[in-house]
PDB file of N, CA and C in Angstrom:
ATOM      1  N   MET A   1     -63.829  36.853  14.539  1.00  0.00           N
ATOM      2  CA  MET A   1     -62.763  37.650  15.091  1.00  0.00           C
ATOM      3  C   MET A   1     -61.813  38.006  13.952  1.00  0.00           C
ATOM      4  N   SER A   2     -61.482  39.241  13.865  1.00  0.00           N
ATOM      5  CA  SER A   2     -60.576  39.684  12.810  1.00  0.00           C
ATOM      6  C   SER A   2     -59.130  39.407  13.209  1.00  0.00           C
ATOM      7  N   ALA A   3     -58.248  39.485  12.241  1.00  0.00           N
ATOM      8  CA  ALA A   3     -56.830  39.291  12.516  1.00  0.00           C
ATOM      9  C   ALA A   3     -56.326  40.371  13.466  1.00  0.00           C
ATOM     10  N   GLN A   4     -56.826  41.587  13.302  1.00  0.00           N
ATOM     11  CA  GLN A   4     -56.427  42.691  14.189  1.00  0.00           C
ATOM     12  C   GLN A   4     -56.842  42.398  15.631  1.00  0.00           C
ATOM     13  N   GLU A   5     -58.080  41.939  15.814  1.00  0.00           N
ATOM     14  CA  GLU A   5     -58.561  41.640  17.160  1.00  0.00           C
ATOM     15  C   GLU A   5     -57.784  40.463  17.763  1.00  0.00           C
ATOM     16  N   PHE A   6     -57.479  39.460  16.952  1.00  0.00           N
ATOM     17  CA  PHE A   6     -56.691  38.333  17.423  1.00  0.00           C
ATOM     18  C   PHE A   6     -55.318  38.804  17.887  1.00  0.00           C
ATOM     19  N   GLY A   7     -54.688  39.665  17.094  1.00  0.00           N
ATOM     20  CA  GLY A   7     -53.390  40.223  17.473  1.00  0.00           C
ATOM     21  C   GLY A   7     -53.466  41.019  18.765  1.00  0.00           C
ATOM     22  N   ASP A   8     -54.549  41.774  18.926  1.00  0.00           N
ATOM     23  CA  ASP A   8     -54.736  42.543  20.164  1.00  0.00           C
ATOM     24  C   ASP A   8     -54.819  41.615  21.373  1.00  0.00           C
ATOM     25  N   TRP A   9     -55.525  40.493  21.227  1.00  0.00           N
ATOM     26  CA  TRP A   9     -55.636  39.541  22.334  1.00  0.00           C
ATOM     27  C   TRP A   9     -54.287  38.920  22.663  1.00  0.00           C
ATOM     28  N   ILE A  10     -53.506  38.603  21.656  1.00  0.00           N
ATOM     29  CA  ILE A  10     -52.181  38.024  21.887  1.00  0.00           C
ATOM     30  C   ILE A  10     -51.316  39.001  22.681  1.00  0.00           C
ATOM     31  N   VAL A  11     -51.331  40.278  22.278  1.00  0.00           N
ATOM     32  CA  VAL A  11     -50.553  41.295  22.987  1.00  0.00           C
ATOM     33  C   VAL A  11     -51.057  41.437  24.419  1.00  0.00           C
ATOM     34  N   TYR A  12     -52.369  41.439  24.604  1.00  0.00           N
ATOM     35  CA  TYR A  12     -52.956  41.576  25.937  1.00  0.00           C
ATOM     36  C   TYR A  12     -52.544  40.419  26.849  1.00  0.00           C
ATOM     37  N   LEU A  13     -52.645  39.191  26.327  1.00  0.00           N
ATOM     38  CA  LEU A  13     -52.295  38.036  27.140  1.00  0.00           C
ATOM     39  C   LEU A  13     -50.830  38.041  27.540  1.00  0.00           C
ATOM     40  N   GLU A  14     -49.958  38.458  26.635  1.00  0.00           N
ATOM     41  CA  GLU A  14     -48.536  38.540  26.965  1.00  0.00           C
ATOM     42  C   GLU A  14     -48.259  39.655  27.963  1.00  0.00           C
ATOM     43  N   ALA A  15     -48.903  40.812  27.774  1.00  0.00           N
ATOM     44  CA  ALA A  15     -48.664  41.956  28.656  1.00  0.00           C
ATOM     45  C   ALA A  15     -49.164  41.687  30.075  1.00  0.00           C
ATOM     46  N   GLU A  16     -50.271  40.981  30.197  1.00  0.00           N
ATOM     47  CA  GLU A  16     -50.853  40.706  31.510  1.00  0.00           C
ATOM     48  C   GLU A  16     -50.368  39.391  32.112  1.00  0.00           C
ATOM     49  N   HIS A  17     -49.471  38.705  31.427  1.00  0.00           N
ATOM     50  CA  HIS A  17     -48.907  37.446  31.908  1.00  0.00           C
ATOM     51  C   HIS A  17     -50.007  36.420  32.221  1.00  0.00           C
ATOM     52  N   LEU A  18     -50.875  36.205  31.253  1.00  0.00           N
ATOM     53  CA  LEU A  18     -51.990  35.280  31.434  1.00  0.00           C
ATOM     54  C   LEU A  18     -51.830  33.991  30.630  1.00  0.00           C
ATOM     55  N   THR A  19     -50.694  33.800  30.009  1.00  0.00           N
ATOM     56  CA  THR A  19     -50.493  32.594  29.210  1.00  0.00           C
ATOM     57  C   THR A  19     -50.240  31.389  30.117  1.00  0.00           C
ATOM     58  N   PRO A  20     -50.429  30.171  29.635  1.00  0.00           N
ATOM     59  CA  PRO A  20     -50.169  28.984  30.461  1.00  0.00           C
ATOM     60  C   PRO A  20     -48.726  28.934  30.980  1.00  0.00           C
ATOM     61  N   ARG A  21     -47.784  29.422  30.183  1.00  0.00           N
ATOM     62  CA  ARG A  21     -46.375  29.413  30.618  1.00  0.00           C
ATOM     63  C   ARG A  21     -46.183  30.305  31.839  1.00  0.00           C
ATOM     64  N   HIS A  22     -46.866  31.446  31.869  1.00  0.00           N
ATOM     65  CA  HIS A  22     -46.754  32.332  33.025  1.00  0.00           C
ATOM     66  C   HIS A  22     -47.399  31.700  34.256  1.00  0.00           C
ATOM     67  N   GLY A  23     -48.496  30.989  34.059  1.00  0.00           N
ATOM     68  CA  GLY A  23     -49.123  30.282  35.171  1.00  0.00           C
ATOM     69  C   GLY A  23     -48.198  29.228  35.749  1.00  0.00           C
ATOM     70  N   ALA A  24     -47.507  28.498  34.873  1.00  0.00           N
ATOM     71  CA  ALA A  24     -46.555  27.481  35.331  1.00  0.00           C
ATOM     72  C   ALA A  24     -45.401  28.130  36.090  1.00  0.00           C
ATOM     73  N   LEU A  25     -44.955  29.297  35.636  1.00  0.00           N
ATOM     74  CA  LEU A  25     -43.874  30.002  36.318  1.00  0.00           C
ATOM     75  C   LEU A  25     -44.308  30.442  37.710  1.00  0.00           C
ATOM     76  N   ARG A  26     -45.525  30.984  37.838  1.00  0.00           N
ATOM     77  CA  ARG A  26     -46.015  31.388  39.162  1.00  0.00           C
ATOM     78  C   ARG A  26     -46.098  30.184  40.093  1.00  0.00           C
ATOM     79  N   HIS A  27     -46.556  29.060  39.580  1.00  0.00           N
ATOM     80  CA  HIS A  27     -46.646  27.846  40.381  1.00  0.00           C
ATOM     81  C   HIS A  27     -45.255  27.378  40.792  1.00  0.00           C
ATOM     82  N   ALA A  28     -44.314  27.403  39.862  1.00  0.00           N
ATOM     83  CA  ALA A  28     -42.947  26.976  40.158  1.00  0.00           C
ATOM     84  C   ALA A  28     -42.299  27.889  41.192  1.00  0.00           C
ATOM     85  N   GLN A  29     -42.569  29.199  41.116  1.00  0.00           N
ATOM     86  CA  GLN A  29     -42.021  30.124  42.105  1.00  0.00           C
ATOM     87  C   GLN A  29     -42.570  29.827  43.487  1.00  0.00           C
ATOM     88  N   ALA A  30     -43.848  29.504  43.564  1.00  0.00           N
ATOM     89  CA  ALA A  30     -44.450  29.168  44.856  1.00  0.00           C
ATOM     90  C   ALA A  30     -43.842  27.884  45.414  1.00  0.00           C
ATOM     91  N   LEU A  31     -43.663  26.869  44.568  1.00  0.00           N
ATOM     92  CA  LEU A  31     -43.064  25.620  45.030  1.00  0.00           C
ATOM     93  C   LEU A  31     -41.629  25.830  45.504  1.00  0.00           C
ATOM     94  N   ALA A  32     -40.879  26.643  44.779  1.00  0.00           N
ATOM     95  CA  ALA A  32     -39.500  26.923  45.178  1.00  0.00           C
ATOM     96  C   ALA A  32     -39.477  27.640  46.525  1.00  0.00           C
ATOM     97  N   SER A  33     -40.360  28.597  46.714  1.00  0.00           N
ATOM     98  CA  SER A  33     -40.410  29.323  47.989  1.00  0.00           C
ATOM     99  C   SER A  33     -40.767  28.391  49.140  1.00  0.00           C
ATOM    100  N   LEU A  34     -41.758  27.538  48.928  1.00  0.00           N
ATOM    101  CA  LEU A  34     -42.140  26.587  49.971  1.00  0.00           C
ATOM    102  C   LEU A  34     -41.008  25.610  50.279  1.00  0.00           C
ATOM    103  N   SER A  35     -40.350  25.145  49.246  1.00  0.00           N
ATOM    104  CA  SER A  35     -39.290  24.157  49.431  1.00  0.00           C
ATOM    105  C   SER A  35     -38.071  24.756  50.108  1.00  0.00           C
ATOM    106  N   ASN A  36     -37.798  26.016  49.882  1.00  0.00           N
ATOM    107  CA  ASN A  36     -36.649  26.656  50.519  1.00  0.00           C
ATOM    108  C   ASN A  36     -36.880  26.839  52.012  1.00  0.00           C
ATOM    109  N   GLY A  37     -38.145  26.856  52.441  1.00  0.00           N
ATOM    110  CA  GLY A  37     -38.418  27.014  53.867  1.00  0.00           C
ATOM    111  C   GLY A  37     -38.348  25.691  54.603  1.00  0.00           C
ATOM    112  N   ALA A  38     -39.234  24.784  54.261  1.00  0.00           N
ATOM    113  CA  ALA A  38     -39.364  23.547  55.037  1.00  0.00           C
ATOM    114  C   ALA A  38     -38.388  22.452  54.589  1.00  0.00           C
ATOM    115  N   LEU A  39     -38.152  22.344  53.307  1.00  0.00           N
ATOM    116  CA  LEU A  39     -37.275  21.295  52.797  1.00  0.00           C
ATOM    117  C   LEU A  39     -35.875  21.850  52.596  1.00  0.00           C
ATOM    118  N   SER A  40     -34.888  21.069  52.913  1.00  0.00           N
ATOM    119  CA  SER A  40     -33.521  21.534  52.693  1.00  0.00           C
ATOM    120  C   SER A  40     -32.793  20.527  51.817  1.00  0.00           C
ATOM    121  N   ARG A  41     -31.897  21.045  51.017  1.00  0.00           N
ATOM    122  CA  ARG A  41     -31.105  20.194  50.140  1.00  0.00           C
ATOM    123  C   ARG A  41     -29.842  19.779  50.872  1.00  0.00           C
ATOM    124  N   GLN A  42     -29.283  18.671  50.481  1.00  0.00           N
ATOM    125  CA  GLN A  42     -28.071  18.182  51.135  1.00  0.00           C
ATOM    126  C   GLN A  42     -26.885  19.107  50.892  1.00  0.00           C
ATOM    127  N   ASP A  43     -26.857  19.780  49.730  1.00  0.00           N
ATOM    128  CA  ASP A  43     -25.731  20.671  49.432  1.00  0.00           C
ATOM    129  C   ASP A  43     -25.973  22.100  49.924  1.00  0.00           C
ATOM    130  N   SER A  44     -27.031  22.338  50.662  1.00  0.00           N
ATOM    131  CA  SER A  44     -27.398  23.636  51.261  1.00  0.00           C
ATOM    132  C   SER A  44     -27.705  24.723  50.230  1.00  0.00           C
ATOM    133  N   ALA A  45     -27.864  24.361  48.975  1.00  0.00           N
ATOM    134  CA  ALA A  45     -28.225  25.343  47.947  1.00  0.00           C
ATOM    135  C   ALA A  45     -29.734  25.574  47.998  1.00  0.00           C
ATOM    136  N   LEU A  46     -30.146  26.723  47.545  1.00  0.00           N
ATOM    137  CA  LEU A  46     -31.571  27.042  47.506  1.00  0.00           C
ATOM    138  C   LEU A  46     -32.192  26.480  46.231  1.00  0.00           C
ATOM    139  N   TRP A  47     -33.456  26.130  46.313  1.00  0.00           N
ATOM    140  CA  TRP A  47     -34.190  25.664  45.144  1.00  0.00           C
ATOM    141  C   TRP A  47     -34.529  26.871  44.280  1.00  0.00           C
ATOM    142  N   ALA A  48     -34.508  26.691  42.979  1.00  0.00           N
ATOM    143  CA  ALA A  48     -34.885  27.738  42.033  1.00  0.00           C
ATOM    144  C   ALA A  48     -36.198  27.375  41.365  1.00  0.00           C
ATOM    145  N   ALA A  49     -36.928  28.388  40.925  1.00  0.00           N
ATOM    146  CA  ALA A  49     -38.206  28.142  40.256  1.00  0.00           C
ATOM    147  C   ALA A  49     -38.017  27.279  39.013  1.00  0.00           C
ATOM    148  N   ALA A  50     -36.898  27.435  38.329  1.00  0.00           N
ATOM    149  CA  ALA A  50     -36.641  26.673  37.101  1.00  0.00           C
ATOM    150  C   ALA A  50     -36.614  25.166  37.367  1.00  0.00           C
ATOM    151  N   GLN A  51     -36.278  24.773  38.594  1.00  0.00           N
ATOM    152  CA  GLN A  51     -36.234  23.345  38.911  1.00  0.00           C
ATOM    153  C   GLN A  51     -37.626  22.749  39.052  1.00  0.00           C
ATOM    154  N   PHE A  52     -38.652  23.586  39.117  1.00  0.00           N
ATOM    155  CA  PHE A  52     -40.027  23.119  39.242  1.00  0.00           C
ATOM    156  C   PHE A  52     -40.850  23.377  37.982  1.00  0.00           C
ATOM    157  N   MET A  53     -40.219  23.940  36.956  1.00  0.00           N
ATOM    158  CA  MET A  53     -40.931  24.251  35.714  1.00  0.00           C
ATOM    159  C   MET A  53     -41.099  22.984  34.881  1.00  0.00           C
ATOM    160  N   PRO A  54     -42.256  22.855  34.228  1.00  0.00           N
ATOM    161  CA  PRO A  54     -42.413  21.718  33.324  1.00  0.00           C
ATOM    162  C   PRO A  54     -41.505  21.907  32.106  1.00  0.00           C
ATOM    163  N   PRO A  55     -41.117  20.824  31.466  1.00  0.00           N
ATOM    164  CA  PRO A  55     -40.236  20.978  30.301  1.00  0.00           C
ATOM    165  C   PRO A  55     -40.946  21.713  29.164  1.00  0.00           C
ATOM    166  N   ASP A  56     -40.189  22.538  28.472  1.00  0.00           N
ATOM    167  CA  ASP A  56     -40.723  23.276  27.331  1.00  0.00           C
ATOM    168  C   ASP A  56     -40.669  22.359  26.108  1.00  0.00           C
ATOM    169  N   PRO A  57     -41.826  22.009  25.532  1.00  0.00           N
ATOM    170  CA  PRO A  57     -41.801  21.058  24.413  1.00  0.00           C
ATOM    171  C   PRO A  57     -41.117  21.608  23.174  1.00  0.00           C
ATOM    172  N   TRP A  58     -40.902  22.906  23.093  1.00  0.00           N
ATOM    173  CA  TRP A  58     -40.311  23.510  21.901  1.00  0.00           C
ATOM    174  C   TRP A  58     -38.816  23.746  22.036  1.00  0.00           C
ATOM    175  N   SER A  59     -38.258  23.542  23.210  1.00  0.00           N
ATOM    176  CA  SER A  59     -36.835  23.788  23.373  1.00  0.00           C
ATOM    177  C   SER A  59     -36.032  22.586  22.886  1.00  0.00           C
ATOM    178  N   ALA A  60     -34.789  22.857  22.527  1.00  0.00           N
ATOM    179  CA  ALA A  60     -33.901  21.783  22.067  1.00  0.00           C
ATOM    180  C   ALA A  60     -33.507  20.933  23.268  1.00  0.00           C
ATOM    181  N   ARG A  61     -33.474  19.651  23.074  1.00  0.00           N
ATOM    182  CA  ARG A  61     -33.074  18.750  24.145  1.00  0.00           C
ATOM    183  C   ARG A  61     -31.583  18.466  24.012  1.00  0.00           C
ATOM    184  N   PRO A  62     -30.885  18.300  25.133  1.00  0.00           N
ATOM    185  CA  PRO A  62     -29.436  18.067  25.050  1.00  0.00           C
ATOM    186  C   PRO A  62     -29.069  16.761  24.354  1.00  0.00           C
ATOM    187  N   ASP A  63     -29.979  15.779  24.353  1.00  0.00           N
ATOM    188  CA  ASP A  63     -29.658  14.506  23.727  1.00  0.00           C
ATOM    189  C   ASP A  63     -29.932  14.490  22.223  1.00  0.00           C
ATOM    190  N   GLU A  64     -30.516  15.568  21.707  1.00  0.00           N
ATOM    191  CA  GLU A  64     -30.803  15.623  20.270  1.00  0.00           C
ATOM    192  C   GLU A  64     -29.548  16.016  19.493  1.00  0.00           C
ATOM    193  N   GLU A  65     -29.451  15.458  18.303  1.00  0.00           N
ATOM    194  CA  GLU A  65     -28.334  15.830  17.444  1.00  0.00           C
ATOM    195  C   GLU A  65     -28.576  17.216  16.871  1.00  0.00           C
ATOM    196  N   ALA A  66     -27.504  17.918  16.603  1.00  0.00           N
ATOM    197  CA  ALA A  66     -27.612  19.249  16.026  1.00  0.00           C
ATOM    198  C   ALA A  66     -28.106  19.151  14.588  1.00  0.00           C
ATOM    199  N   GLU A  67     -28.766  20.204  14.154  1.00  0.00           N
ATOM    200  CA  GLU A  67     -29.238  20.259  12.766  1.00  0.00           C
ATOM    201  C   GLU A  67     -28.033  20.184  11.831  1.00  0.00           C
ATOM    202  N   PRO A  68     -28.152  19.441  10.751  1.00  0.00           N
ATOM    203  CA  PRO A  68     -27.029  19.406   9.806  1.00  0.00           C
ATOM    204  C   PRO A  68     -26.840  20.779   9.162  1.00  0.00           C
ATOM    205  N   ALA A  69     -25.591  21.103   8.910  1.00  0.00           N
ATOM    206  CA  ALA A  69     -25.286  22.388   8.298  1.00  0.00           C
ATOM    207  C   ALA A  69     -25.754  22.405   6.847  1.00  0.00           C
ATOM    208  N   ASP A  70     -26.079  23.587   6.360  1.00  0.00           N
ATOM    209  CA  ASP A  70     -26.475  23.716   4.961  1.00  0.00           C
ATOM    210  C   ASP A  70     -25.293  23.339   4.073  1.00  0.00           C
ATOM    211  N   PRO A  71     -25.564  22.666   2.963  1.00  0.00           N
ATOM    212  CA  PRO A  71     -24.455  22.283   2.083  1.00  0.00           C
ATOM    213  C   PRO A  71     -23.817  23.512   1.439  1.00  0.00           C
ATOM    214  N   THR A  72     -22.532  23.396   1.208  1.00  0.00           N
ATOM    215  CA  THR A  72     -21.800  24.477   0.546  1.00  0.00           C
ATOM    216  C   THR A  72     -22.132  24.457  -0.946  1.00  0.00           C
ATOM    217  N   PRO A  73     -21.848  25.538  -1.630  1.00  0.00           N
ATOM    218  CA  PRO A  73     -22.088  25.548  -3.084  1.00  0.00           C
ATOM    219  C   PRO A  73     -21.339  24.428  -3.808  1.00  0.00           C
ATOM    220  N   GLN A  74     -20.139  24.101  -3.349  1.00  0.00           N
ATOM    221  CA  GLN A  74     -19.367  23.033  -3.982  1.00  0.00           C
ATOM    222  C   GLN A  74     -20.062  21.683  -3.770  1.00  0.00           C
ATOM    223  N   GLU A  75     -20.615  21.455  -2.564  1.00  0.00           N
ATOM    224  CA  GLU A  75     -21.319  20.201  -2.305  1.00  0.00           C
ATOM    225  C   GLU A  75     -22.589  20.105  -3.142  1.00  0.00           C
ATOM    226  N   LEU A  76     -23.302  21.210  -3.293  1.00  0.00           N
ATOM    227  CA  LEU A  76     -24.497  21.218  -4.131  1.00  0.00           C
ATOM    228  C   LEU A  76     -24.149  20.923  -5.585  1.00  0.00           C
ATOM    229  N   ALA A  77     -23.066  21.535  -6.067  1.00  0.00           N
ATOM    230  CA  ALA A  77     -22.639  21.293  -7.450  1.00  0.00           C
ATOM    231  C   ALA A  77     -22.283  19.820  -7.647  1.00  0.00           C
ATOM    232  N   ALA A  78     -21.624  19.212  -6.650  1.00  0.00           N
ATOM    233  CA  ALA A  78     -21.265  17.795  -6.749  1.00  0.00           C
ATOM    234  C   ALA A  78     -22.519  16.919  -6.759  1.00  0.00           C
ATOM    235  N   GLN A  79     -23.523  17.271  -5.947  1.00  0.00           N
ATOM    236  CA  GLN A  79     -24.768  16.504  -5.926  1.00  0.00           C
ATOM    237  C   GLN A  79     -25.488  16.605  -7.264  1.00  0.00           C
ATOM    238  N   ILE A  80     -25.513  17.797  -7.828  1.00  0.00           N
ATOM    239  CA  ILE A  80     -26.180  17.995  -9.116  1.00  0.00           C
ATOM    240  C   ILE A  80     -25.455  17.222 -10.220  1.00  0.00           C
ATOM    241  N   ALA A  81     -24.127  17.259 -10.179  1.00  0.00           N
ATOM    242  CA  ALA A  81     -23.332  16.515 -11.161  1.00  0.00           C
ATOM    243  C   ALA A  81     -23.599  15.006 -11.038  1.00  0.00           C
ATOM    244  N   ALA A  82     -23.737  14.506  -9.808  1.00  0.00           N
ATOM    245  CA  ALA A  82     -23.996  13.086  -9.616  1.00  0.00           C
ATOM    246  C   ALA A  82     -25.384  12.716 -10.130  1.00  0.00           C
ATOM    247  N   ILE A  83     -26.355  13.590  -9.917  1.00  0.00           N
ATOM    248  CA  ILE A  83     -27.722  13.336 -10.412  1.00  0.00           C
ATOM    249  C   ILE A  83     -27.725  13.344 -11.932  1.00  0.00           C
ATOM    250  N   ASN A  84     -27.062  14.344 -12.512  1.00  0.00           N
ATOM    251  CA  ASN A  84     -26.997  14.426 -13.976  1.00  0.00           C
ATOM    252  C   ASN A  84     -26.265  13.223 -14.589  1.00  0.00           C
ATOM    253  N   ALA A  85     -25.222  12.747 -13.909  1.00  0.00           N
ATOM    254  CA  ALA A  85     -24.474  11.596 -14.427  1.00  0.00           C
ATOM    255  C   ALA A  85     -25.348  10.344 -14.380  1.00  0.00           C
ATOM    256  N   GLY A  86     -26.216  10.240 -13.397  1.00  0.00           N
ATOM    257  CA  GLY A  86     -27.097   9.085 -13.282  1.00  0.00           C
ATOM    258  C   GLY A  86     -28.214   9.103 -14.297  1.00  0.00           C
ATOM    259  N   MET A  87     -28.529  10.253 -14.881  1.00  0.00           N
ATOM    260  CA  MET A  87     -29.622  10.360 -15.855  1.00  0.00           C
ATOM    261  C   MET A  87     -29.164  10.025 -17.261  1.00  0.00           C
ATOM    262  N   HIS A  88     -27.876   9.965 -17.529  1.00  0.00           N
ATOM    263  CA  HIS A  88     -27.401   9.681 -18.893  1.00  0.00           C
ATOM    264  C   HIS A  88     -27.117   8.232 -19.097  1.00  0.00           C
TER     265      HIS A  88
END
């Protein structure tokens, strides 16, 4: 399979909503619809499809620490000076 053909398949799968994520969304929508009919919540709110979606392994989790910020030029200069001082 060429890179062009692979790219064509990727576009096709996204356009036709045939990826596993789209399948999970269709399933979650069905569960939400079923639950809104027969099952009721105590707070009378409707169930949403997002409440039935599996967790996205690539999304950031709320309990994770934020990525450290890139060092400023002054911090980099200080690190380099400290390394150079340790080499003499």
